[in-house]
Amino acid sequence: MAGPRLLTRGRAAIVAVPILGFLATPFLPFVREPTLVAGIPAGLAWTGGMVLLSAAALHLVEARYLRTGGRAADSDEAAASSAPTPEEQP
């Protein structure tokens, strides 16, 4: 069954942005200095921002997947997996 692909280059690029942000955290100069952003340490603010960006990126990837026919593909897959096997049928 051919349906929409969940992982495409564009969707992988969207998710890669917060991942690279997390990986870059120890190398950022403002994270290593004792600075405050809105009353919290800069490293914690940066990490919190990356968490929010990760959630937004995953939501965007799912929305694009569902818009390209993913909902129908998921429904078909669920129906196929819940169908009884020949051994289970009377």
PDB file of N, CA and C in Angstrom:
ATOM      1  N   MET A   1       0.848  -1.160   0.000  1.00  0.00           N
ATOM      2  CA  MET A   1       0.000   0.000   0.000  1.00  0.00           C
ATOM      3  C   MET A   1       0.901   1.232   0.000  1.00  0.00           C
ATOM      4  N   ALA A   2       0.699   2.073  -0.981  1.00  0.00           N
ATOM      5  CA  ALA A   2       1.492   3.296  -1.085  1.00  0.00           C
ATOM      6  C   ALA A   2       0.676   4.459  -0.548  1.00  0.00           C
ATOM      7  N   GLY A   3       1.219   5.132   0.403  1.00  0.00           N
ATOM      8  CA  GLY A   3       0.557   6.286   1.005  1.00  0.00           C
ATOM      9  C   GLY A   3       1.581   7.385   1.212  1.00  0.00           C
ATOM     10  N   PRO A   4       1.213   8.405   1.914  1.00  0.00           N
ATOM     11  CA  PRO A   4       2.163   9.480   2.176  1.00  0.00           C
ATOM     12  C   PRO A   4       3.275   8.994   3.105  1.00  0.00           C
ATOM     13  N   ARG A   5       4.457   9.507   2.854  1.00  0.00           N
ATOM     14  CA  ARG A   5       5.599   9.148   3.695  1.00  0.00           C
ATOM     15  C   ARG A   5       5.651  10.081   4.895  1.00  0.00           C
ATOM     16  N   LEU A   6       5.858   9.505   6.061  1.00  0.00           N
ATOM     17  CA  LEU A   6       5.942  10.320   7.267  1.00  0.00           C
ATOM     18  C   LEU A   6       7.260  11.084   7.312  1.00  0.00           C
ATOM     19  N   LEU A   7       8.355  10.435   6.934  1.00  0.00           N
ATOM     20  CA  LEU A   7       9.659  11.093   6.985  1.00  0.00           C
ATOM     21  C   LEU A   7      10.091  11.490   5.577  1.00  0.00           C
ATOM     22  N   THR A   8      10.066  12.773   5.313  1.00  0.00           N
ATOM     23  CA  THR A   8      10.581  13.319   4.064  1.00  0.00           C
ATOM     24  C   THR A   8      11.719  14.268   4.409  1.00  0.00           C
ATOM     25  N   ARG A   9      12.422  14.735   3.408  1.00  0.00           N
ATOM     26  CA  ARG A   9      13.546  15.645   3.679  1.00  0.00           C
ATOM     27  C   ARG A   9      13.081  16.929   4.342  1.00  0.00           C
ATOM     28  N   GLY A  10      11.973  17.469   3.882  1.00  0.00           N
ATOM     29  CA  GLY A  10      11.462  18.706   4.467  1.00  0.00           C
ATOM     30  C   GLY A  10      11.054  18.529   5.921  1.00  0.00           C
ATOM     31  N   ARG A  11      10.381  17.424   6.213  1.00  0.00           N
ATOM     32  CA  ARG A  11       9.950  17.177   7.590  1.00  0.00           C
ATOM     33  C   ARG A  11      11.143  16.886   8.487  1.00  0.00           C
ATOM     34  N   ALA A  12      12.131  16.181   7.963  1.00  0.00           N
ATOM     35  CA  ALA A  12      13.338  15.923   8.750  1.00  0.00           C
ATOM     36  C   ALA A  12      14.089  17.219   9.030  1.00  0.00           C
ATOM     37  N   ALA A  13      14.099  18.133   8.068  1.00  0.00           N
ATOM     38  CA  ALA A  13      14.770  19.419   8.276  1.00  0.00           C
ATOM     39  C   ALA A  13      14.060  20.235   9.349  1.00  0.00           C
ATOM     40  N   ILE A  14      12.732  20.166   9.375  1.00  0.00           N
ATOM     41  CA  ILE A  14      11.973  20.898  10.395  1.00  0.00           C
ATOM     42  C   ILE A  14      12.330  20.385  11.789  1.00  0.00           C
ATOM     43  N   VAL A  15      12.406  19.084  11.948  1.00  0.00           N
ATOM     44  CA  VAL A  15      12.700  18.499  13.252  1.00  0.00           C
ATOM     45  C   VAL A  15      14.179  18.658  13.610  1.00  0.00           C
ATOM     46  N   ALA A  16      15.048  18.792  12.614  1.00  0.00           N
ATOM     47  CA  ALA A  16      16.483  18.917  12.876  1.00  0.00           C
ATOM     48  C   ALA A  16      16.843  20.238  13.543  1.00  0.00           C
ATOM     49  N   VAL A  17      16.051  21.273  13.344  1.00  0.00           N
ATOM     50  CA  VAL A  17      16.385  22.590  13.912  1.00  0.00           C
ATOM     51  C   VAL A  17      16.460  22.543  15.438  1.00  0.00           C
ATOM     52  N   PRO A  18      15.429  22.073  16.153  1.00  0.00           N
ATOM     53  CA  PRO A  18      15.575  22.025  17.611  1.00  0.00           C
ATOM     54  C   PRO A  18      16.613  21.007  18.081  1.00  0.00           C
ATOM     55  N   ILE A  19      16.796  19.935  17.330  1.00  0.00           N
ATOM     56  CA  ILE A  19      17.820  18.957  17.705  1.00  0.00           C
ATOM     57  C   ILE A  19      19.192  19.608  17.663  1.00  0.00           C
ATOM     58  N   LEU A  20      19.467  20.350  16.605  1.00  0.00           N
ATOM     59  CA  LEU A  20      20.750  21.053  16.518  1.00  0.00           C
ATOM     60  C   LEU A  20      20.871  22.112  17.604  1.00  0.00           C
ATOM     61  N   GLY A  21      19.762  22.745  17.960  1.00  0.00           N
ATOM     62  CA  GLY A  21      19.778  23.707  19.059  1.00  0.00           C
ATOM     63  C   GLY A  21      20.154  23.059  20.382  1.00  0.00           C
ATOM     64  N   PHE A  22      19.594  21.872  20.641  1.00  0.00           N
ATOM     65  CA  PHE A  22      19.960  21.143  21.857  1.00  0.00           C
ATOM     66  C   PHE A  22      21.438  20.767  21.843  1.00  0.00           C
ATOM     67  N   LEU A  23      21.913  20.264  20.704  1.00  0.00           N
ATOM     68  CA  LEU A  23      23.308  19.838  20.622  1.00  0.00           C
ATOM     69  C   LEU A  23      24.282  21.003  20.726  1.00  0.00           C
ATOM     70  N   ALA A  24      23.875  22.186  20.291  1.00  0.00           N
ATOM     71  CA  ALA A  24      24.751  23.358  20.336  1.00  0.00           C
ATOM     72  C   ALA A  24      24.779  24.017  21.706  1.00  0.00           C
ATOM     73  N   THR A  25      23.889  23.646  22.590  1.00  0.00           N
ATOM     74  CA  THR A  25      23.752  24.324  23.884  1.00  0.00           C
ATOM     75  C   THR A  25      25.067  24.473  24.649  1.00  0.00           C
ATOM     76  N   PRO A  26      25.873  23.431  24.838  1.00  0.00           N
ATOM     77  CA  PRO A  26      27.087  23.624  25.644  1.00  0.00           C
ATOM     78  C   PRO A  26      28.137  24.507  24.976  1.00  0.00           C
ATOM     79  N   PHE A  27      28.012  24.747  23.688  1.00  0.00           N
ATOM     80  CA  PHE A  27      29.014  25.527  22.971  1.00  0.00           C
ATOM     81  C   PHE A  27      28.628  26.992  22.800  1.00  0.00           C
ATOM     82  N   LEU A  28      27.438  27.372  23.223  1.00  0.00           N
ATOM     83  CA  LEU A  28      26.987  28.749  23.072  1.00  0.00           C
ATOM     84  C   LEU A  28      27.583  29.610  24.179  1.00  0.00           C
ATOM     85  N   PRO A  29      28.171  30.757  23.822  1.00  0.00           N
ATOM     86  CA  PRO A  29      28.849  31.569  24.848  1.00  0.00           C
ATOM     87  C   PRO A  29      27.901  32.144  25.897  1.00  0.00           C
ATOM     88  N   PHE A  30      26.691  32.512  25.533  1.00  0.00           N
ATOM     89  CA  PHE A  30      25.792  33.096  26.528  1.00  0.00           C
ATOM     90  C   PHE A  30      25.290  32.073  27.532  1.00  0.00           C
ATOM     91  N   VAL A  31      25.396  30.795  27.202  1.00  0.00           N
ATOM     92  CA  VAL A  31      24.964  29.752  28.128  1.00  0.00           C
ATOM     93  C   VAL A  31      26.018  29.526  29.211  1.00  0.00           C
ATOM     94  N   ARG A  32      27.283  29.714  28.867  1.00  0.00           N
ATOM     95  CA  ARG A  32      28.368  29.462  29.816  1.00  0.00           C
ATOM     96  C   ARG A  32      28.623  30.636  30.749  1.00  0.00           C
ATOM     97  N   GLU A  33      28.045  31.773  30.476  1.00  0.00           N
ATOM     98  CA  GLU A  33      28.246  32.950  31.323  1.00  0.00           C
ATOM     99  C   GLU A  33      27.074  33.095  32.293  1.00  0.00           C
ATOM    100  N   PRO A  34      27.326  33.690  33.442  1.00  0.00           N
ATOM    101  CA  PRO A  34      26.244  33.853  34.431  1.00  0.00           C
ATOM    102  C   PRO A  34      25.314  35.009  34.071  1.00  0.00           C
ATOM    103  N   THR A  35      24.493  34.799  33.065  1.00  0.00           N
ATOM    104  CA  THR A  35      23.532  35.825  32.655  1.00  0.00           C
ATOM    105  C   THR A  35      22.118  35.325  32.913  1.00  0.00           C
ATOM    106  N   LEU A  36      21.225  36.260  33.126  1.00  0.00           N
ATOM    107  CA  LEU A  36      19.830  35.922  33.372  1.00  0.00           C
ATOM    108  C   LEU A  36      18.964  36.418  32.221  1.00  0.00           C
ATOM    109  N   VAL A  37      17.991  35.615  31.864  1.00  0.00           N
ATOM    110  CA  VAL A  37      16.999  35.988  30.861  1.00  0.00           C
ATOM    111  C   VAL A  37      15.643  35.840  31.534  1.00  0.00           C
ATOM    112  N   ALA A  38      14.948  36.937  31.700  1.00  0.00           N
ATOM    113  CA  ALA A  38      13.650  36.948  32.387  1.00  0.00           C
ATOM    114  C   ALA A  38      13.749  36.344  33.786  1.00  0.00           C
ATOM    115  N   GLY A  39      14.881  36.526  34.434  1.00  0.00           N
ATOM    116  CA  GLY A  39      15.061  36.066  35.802  1.00  0.00           C
ATOM    117  C   GLY A  39      15.514  34.632  35.957  1.00  0.00           C
ATOM    118  N   ILE A  40      15.733  33.921  34.861  1.00  0.00           N
ATOM    119  CA  ILE A  40      16.229  32.547  34.945  1.00  0.00           C
ATOM    120  C   ILE A  40      17.546  32.462  34.186  1.00  0.00           C
ATOM    121  N   PRO A  41      18.401  31.499  34.526  1.00  0.00           N
ATOM    122  CA  PRO A  41      19.684  31.384  33.826  1.00  0.00           C
ATOM    123  C   PRO A  41      19.495  31.202  32.318  1.00  0.00           C
ATOM    124  N   ALA A  42      20.431  31.766  31.566  1.00  0.00           N
ATOM    125  CA  ALA A  42      20.320  31.745  30.106  1.00  0.00           C
ATOM    126  C   ALA A  42      20.274  30.322  29.557  1.00  0.00           C
ATOM    127  N   GLY A  43      21.030  29.412  30.145  1.00  0.00           N
ATOM    128  CA  GLY A  43      21.015  28.024  29.676  1.00  0.00           C
ATOM    129  C   GLY A  43      19.661  27.367  29.845  1.00  0.00           C
ATOM    130  N   LEU A  44      19.017  27.662  30.957  1.00  0.00           N
ATOM    131  CA  LEU A  44      17.685  27.109  31.200  1.00  0.00           C
ATOM    132  C   LEU A  44      16.656  27.726  30.258  1.00  0.00           C
ATOM    133  N   ALA A  45      16.784  29.022  30.015  1.00  0.00           N
ATOM    134  CA  ALA A  45      15.872  29.687  29.073  1.00  0.00           C
ATOM    135  C   ALA A  45      16.053  29.121  27.664  1.00  0.00           C
ATOM    136  N   TRP A  46      17.306  28.908  27.250  1.00  0.00           N
ATOM    137  CA  TRP A  46      17.585  28.355  25.925  1.00  0.00           C
ATOM    138  C   TRP A  46      17.003  26.943  25.803  1.00  0.00           C
ATOM    139  N   THR A  47      17.227  26.119  26.818  1.00  0.00           N
ATOM    140  CA  THR A  47      16.721  24.750  26.788  1.00  0.00           C
ATOM    141  C   THR A  47      15.192  24.737  26.774  1.00  0.00           C
ATOM    142  N   GLY A  48      14.582  25.595  27.558  1.00  0.00           N
ATOM    143  CA  GLY A  48      13.119  25.699  27.537  1.00  0.00           C
ATOM    144  C   GLY A  48      12.602  26.120  26.176  1.00  0.00           C
ATOM    145  N   GLY A  49      13.315  27.043  25.544  1.00  0.00           N
ATOM    146  CA  GLY A  49      12.940  27.457  24.192  1.00  0.00           C
ATOM    147  C   GLY A  49      13.058  26.317  23.194  1.00  0.00           C
ATOM    148  N   MET A  50      14.092  25.501  23.343  1.00  0.00           N
ATOM    149  CA  MET A  50      14.265  24.364  22.439  1.00  0.00           C
ATOM    150  C   MET A  50      13.181  23.310  22.669  1.00  0.00           C
ATOM    151  N   VAL A  51      12.744  23.153  23.908  1.00  0.00           N
ATOM    152  CA  VAL A  51      11.638  22.223  24.194  1.00  0.00           C
ATOM    153  C   VAL A  51      10.367  22.700  23.502  1.00  0.00           C
ATOM    154  N   LEU A  52      10.072  23.993  23.634  1.00  0.00           N
ATOM    155  CA  LEU A  52       8.884  24.545  22.968  1.00  0.00           C
ATOM    156  C   LEU A  52       9.007  24.454  21.448  1.00  0.00           C
ATOM    157  N   LEU A  53      10.209  24.714  20.927  1.00  0.00           N
ATOM    158  CA  LEU A  53      10.427  24.609  19.483  1.00  0.00           C
ATOM    159  C   LEU A  53      10.284  23.164  19.007  1.00  0.00           C
ATOM    160  N   SER A  54      10.719  22.206  19.822  1.00  0.00           N
ATOM    161  CA  SER A  54      10.558  20.789  19.469  1.00  0.00           C
ATOM    162  C   SER A  54       9.086  20.416  19.369  1.00  0.00           C
ATOM    163  N   ALA A  55       8.304  20.863  20.332  1.00  0.00           N
ATOM    164  CA  ALA A  55       6.867  20.566  20.302  1.00  0.00           C
ATOM    165  C   ALA A  55       6.212  21.196  19.079  1.00  0.00           C
ATOM    166  N   ALA A  56       6.588  22.429  18.762  1.00  0.00           N
ATOM    167  CA  ALA A  56       6.022  23.095  17.586  1.00  0.00           C
ATOM    168  C   ALA A  56       6.444  22.388  16.300  1.00  0.00           C
ATOM    169  N   ALA A  57       7.698  21.945  16.224  1.00  0.00           N
ATOM    170  CA  ALA A  57       8.181  21.255  15.027  1.00  0.00           C
ATOM    171  C   ALA A  57       7.456  19.929  14.830  1.00  0.00           C
ATOM    172  N   LEU A  58       7.272  19.176  15.906  1.00  0.00           N
ATOM    173  CA  LEU A  58       6.561  17.904  15.791  1.00  0.00           C
ATOM    174  C   LEU A  58       5.101  18.113  15.406  1.00  0.00           C
ATOM    175  N   HIS A  59       4.487  19.158  15.930  1.00  0.00           N
ATOM    176  CA  HIS A  59       3.107  19.470  15.553  1.00  0.00           C
ATOM    177  C   HIS A  59       3.030  19.835  14.069  1.00  0.00           C
ATOM    178  N   LEU A  60       3.979  20.607  13.591  1.00  0.00           N
ATOM    179  CA  LEU A  60       4.002  20.998  12.183  1.00  0.00           C
ATOM    180  C   LEU A  60       4.197  19.786  11.277  1.00  0.00           C
ATOM    181  N   VAL A  61       5.088  18.885  11.655  1.00  0.00           N
ATOM    182  CA  VAL A  61       5.317  17.674  10.858  1.00  0.00           C
ATOM    183  C   VAL A  61       4.046  16.825  10.811  1.00  0.00           C
ATOM    184  N   GLU A  62       3.384  16.664  11.954  1.00  0.00           N
ATOM    185  CA  GLU A  62       2.153  15.868  11.964  1.00  0.00           C
ATOM    186  C   GLU A  62       1.055  16.531  11.136  1.00  0.00           C
ATOM    187  N   ALA A  63       0.931  17.844  11.224  1.00  0.00           N
ATOM    188  CA  ALA A  63      -0.094  18.551  10.448  1.00  0.00           C
ATOM    189  C   ALA A  63       0.155  18.394   8.955  1.00  0.00           C
ATOM    190  N   ARG A  64       1.408  18.485   8.541  1.00  0.00           N
ATOM    191  CA  ARG A  64       1.723  18.301   7.115  1.00  0.00           C
ATOM    192  C   ARG A  64       1.450  16.870   6.667  1.00  0.00           C
ATOM    193  N   TYR A  65       1.766  15.905   7.522  1.00  0.00           N
ATOM    194  CA  TYR A  65       1.513  14.503   7.195  1.00  0.00           C
ATOM    195  C   TYR A  65       0.018  14.245   7.037  1.00  0.00           C
ATOM    196  N   LEU A  66      -0.772  14.745   7.967  1.00  0.00           N
ATOM    197  CA  LEU A  66      -2.217  14.532   7.898  1.00  0.00           C
ATOM    198  C   LEU A  66      -2.829  15.256   6.710  1.00  0.00           C
ATOM    199  N   ARG A  67      -2.293  16.416   6.352  1.00  0.00           N
ATOM    200  CA  ARG A  67      -2.829  17.177   5.224  1.00  0.00           C
ATOM    201  C   ARG A  67      -2.561  16.474   3.897  1.00  0.00           C
ATOM    202  N   THR A  68      -1.474  15.700   3.806  1.00  0.00           N
ATOM    203  CA  THR A  68      -1.145  15.020   2.553  1.00  0.00           C
ATOM    204  C   THR A  68      -1.756  13.627   2.459  1.00  0.00           C
ATOM    205  N   GLY A  69      -2.734  13.323   3.304  1.00  0.00           N
ATOM    206  CA  GLY A  69      -3.408  12.031   3.213  1.00  0.00           C
ATOM    207  C   GLY A  69      -3.020  11.060   4.295  1.00  0.00           C
ATOM    208  N   GLY A  70      -2.328  11.500   5.294  1.00  0.00           N
ATOM    209  CA  GLY A  70      -1.892  10.614   6.364  1.00  0.00           C
ATOM    210  C   GLY A  70      -3.023  10.074   7.202  1.00  0.00           C
ATOM    211  N   ARG A  71      -4.088  10.857   7.360  1.00  0.00           N
ATOM    212  CA  ARG A  71      -5.218  10.394   8.171  1.00  0.00           C
ATOM    213  C   ARG A  71      -5.861   9.163   7.528  1.00  0.00           C
ATOM    214  N   ALA A  72      -6.049   9.196   6.222  1.00  0.00           N
ATOM    215  CA  ALA A  72      -6.636   8.046   5.523  1.00  0.00           C
ATOM    216  C   ALA A  72      -5.696   6.847   5.574  1.00  0.00           C
ATOM    217  N   ALA A  73      -4.406   7.090   5.406  1.00  0.00           N
ATOM    218  CA  ALA A  73      -3.438   5.997   5.461  1.00  0.00           C
ATOM    219  C   ALA A  73      -3.409   5.368   6.848  1.00  0.00           C
ATOM    220  N   ASP A  74      -3.479   6.193   7.890  1.00  0.00           N
ATOM    221  CA  ASP A  74      -3.501   5.665   9.252  1.00  0.00           C
ATOM    222  C   ASP A  74      -4.778   4.870   9.517  1.00  0.00           C
ATOM    223  N   SER A  75      -5.914   5.349   9.003  1.00  0.00           N
ATOM    224  CA  SER A  75      -7.181   4.626   9.179  1.00  0.00           C
ATOM    225  C   SER A  75      -7.140   3.283   8.469  1.00  0.00           C
ATOM    226  N   ASP A  76      -6.593   3.264   7.245  1.00  0.00           N
ATOM    227  CA  ASP A  76      -6.475   2.009   6.499  1.00  0.00           C
ATOM    228  C   ASP A  76      -5.568   1.025   7.226  1.00  0.00           C
ATOM    229  N   GLU A  77      -4.464   1.524   7.766  1.00  0.00           N
ATOM    230  CA  GLU A  77      -3.537   0.652   8.483  1.00  0.00           C
ATOM    231  C   GLU A  77      -4.176   0.101   9.755  1.00  0.00           C
ATOM    232  N   ALA A  78      -4.919   0.945  10.461  1.00  0.00           N
ATOM    233  CA  ALA A  78      -5.592   0.484  11.681  1.00  0.00           C
ATOM    234  C   ALA A  78      -6.660  -0.554  11.351  1.00  0.00           C
ATOM    235  N   ALA A  79      -7.401  -0.344  10.269  1.00  0.00           N
ATOM    236  CA  ALA A  79      -8.432  -1.304   9.873  1.00  0.00           C
ATOM    237  C   ALA A  79      -7.809  -2.630   9.455  1.00  0.00           C
ATOM    238  N   ALA A  80      -6.682  -2.554   8.752  1.00  0.00           N
ATOM    239  CA  ALA A  80      -6.020  -3.779   8.305  1.00  0.00           C
ATOM    240  C   ALA A  80      -5.432  -4.548   9.482  1.00  0.00           C
ATOM    241  N   SER A  81      -4.927  -3.848  10.476  1.00  0.00           N
ATOM    242  CA  SER A  81      -4.317  -4.545  11.610  1.00  0.00           C
ATOM    243  C   SER A  81      -5.358  -5.090  12.578  1.00  0.00           C
ATOM    244  N   SER A  82      -6.573  -4.531  12.559  1.00  0.00           N
ATOM    245  CA  SER A  82      -7.602  -5.033  13.469  1.00  0.00           C
ATOM    246  C   SER A  82      -8.467  -6.111  12.821  1.00  0.00           C
ATOM    247  N   ALA A  83      -8.275  -6.384  11.542  1.00  0.00           N
ATOM    248  CA  ALA A  83      -9.047  -7.432  10.871  1.00  0.00           C
ATOM    249  C   ALA A  83      -8.615  -8.791  11.415  1.00  0.00           C
ATOM    250  N   PRO A  84      -9.551  -9.680  11.653  1.00  0.00           N
ATOM    251  CA  PRO A  84      -9.190 -10.996  12.190  1.00  0.00           C
ATOM    252  C   PRO A  84      -8.412 -11.810  11.159  1.00  0.00           C
ATOM    253  N   THR A  85      -7.459 -12.559  11.643  1.00  0.00           N
ATOM    254  CA  THR A  85      -6.684 -13.431  10.768  1.00  0.00           C
ATOM    255  C   THR A  85      -7.529 -14.650  10.417  1.00  0.00           C
ATOM    256  N   PRO A  86      -7.170 -15.393   9.379  1.00  0.00           N
ATOM    257  CA  PRO A  86      -7.965 -16.582   9.009  1.00  0.00           C
ATOM    258  C   PRO A  86      -8.085 -17.593  10.147  1.00  0.00           C
ATOM    259  N   GLU A  87      -7.072 -17.684  11.013  1.00  0.00           N
ATOM    260  CA  GLU A  87      -7.141 -18.627  12.127  1.00  0.00           C
ATOM    261  C   GLU A  87      -8.166 -18.180  13.168  1.00  0.00           C
ATOM    262  N   GLU A  88      -8.378 -16.867  13.285  1.00  0.00           N
ATOM    263  CA  GLU A  88      -9.309 -16.344  14.284  1.00  0.00           C
ATOM    264  C   GLU A  88     -10.760 -16.406  13.819  1.00  0.00           C
ATOM    265  N   GLN A  89     -10.989 -16.518  12.520  1.00  0.00           N
ATOM    266  CA  GLN A  89     -12.352 -16.541  11.994  1.00  0.00           C
ATOM    267  C   GLN A  89     -12.977 -17.916  12.225  1.00  0.00           C
ATOM    268  N   PRO A  90     -14.290 -17.945  12.523  1.00  0.00           N
ATOM    269  CA  PRO A  90     -14.952 -19.250  12.759  1.00  0.00           C
ATOM    270  C   PRO A  90     -15.130 -20.042  11.484  1.00  0.00           C
TER     271      PRO A  90
END
